[in-house]
Amino acid sequence: MPISNFSLKRLLGGKARSATVTVPAGERLYIIGDIHGRADLLAQLHAMIADDAAARGWSRNQLVYLGDYIDRGPGSRRVMAMAMAMDDTPPGFSKLHLCGNHEAMMLDFLEDPASGTGWLNTGGDSVLREYGIPAPSEFSQLAPLQRAARLLAGAIQPHEMAFLRNLKSCHRSGGYFFAHAGVRPGVSLDAQSEMDLKWIRGPFLKHTQDFGAVVVHGHTICNEVEIKPNRIGIDTGAHATGKLTCLILEANKRWLLQTGHHGATAFPIS
C-alpha cells in the first residue's frame, strides 16, 4: 500500500535525498533491522524479500542484517540459523551480517561473566533458557554468573560461535553506510570505533549534518521507520510490535517491506 505524498514528505523531513544518494549500478540491497529472536517474523520477511526480488527481475541482490539477532524473543538460535544458512536465502542472494550490541554483550559474558548482569537484564536470560540453562538473577553474585557462562560455552555449537565471532562492524555501498547503532559525528567513517558502531545513540541521533554518507542503522526503536537527510533508522521493535522492517535500496530508489500482526505489507517510498 503506497504512502501518501504528505506521509512521504514527513518521512523524508521535507528533503527527498533519494534522488541524489545511490548504490552502485546493478546492486539491490535488502537491509533487515533488529530481529531479537523473532524467527517467525524473519521467515515471513525472507519470503517477502524473495517475492519482491522475483517481481523486480535480475540484480545482484544482497541481504544486509543490521545485528541484534538474539535476546528478548523466543527464537534466538533459530534466527541465527536462518541468518547464516544459505539454503534459506533466495537464489542469487549474498549475505552480510553486522554485529549488534546484544551479540557483543553475549560474547563479553562468555569471556567475563561478571559483565553478565547487563546482558541478563536486557534479554540475555531468554538465550540461556533456549540452551537449557537456568538464568541467574540480575542481582546474582559472581559464582552463578560464572556457572551460567561455563554451561553456555559448553552448549553453544561451534558454527553458532563462529557466526557470532565473525560478524562485521560496518559496511558501505555507494552513498550509504551501514552500522548497527550509528556513527560518531566529526569522526570519519573509516575511523569509527567498535563501541560507537554498536552502541551510540544521543550524539548520533541528534546530529543534523552530513556524516559523509547516509547512515542506515537499527538499535534505537522507533514507531515508524525514521528517514532523515543524513540517516535512516529501521528498528521498529519487532520483538514487541510484530513489525520487522526491511529497507530496500536500488540505484536512487528506496522502498520498505514490513511484517505486521495482520500479515505483511509493502510500502514503496520513492
Foldseek 3Di string as FASTA:
>chain_A
DADDPVVLCVQAVNDQCLVPFAFDAQEKEKEWAAQAFPLVLVLQVQVVVLVVDVVVDHGQYEYEYQENLHFLYQHSVSSLVCQPDPVNHHPNYYYAFAYAVLLVLLVVCLVPLVSNLVNVVGGVQSVLVVLVHHDDHSPDDSVSSNVSSVSCVVRDDPVSVVSSVPHHAWDDGGQEIEAAAFFAPPDQPVPGDSCCSHPDDDNGPPDQDANSGAYEYEDDADCCWHHYSRYIYQHPPCSPFVWIKIWMGHTSFIWIWIAGPVGIDTYGSD
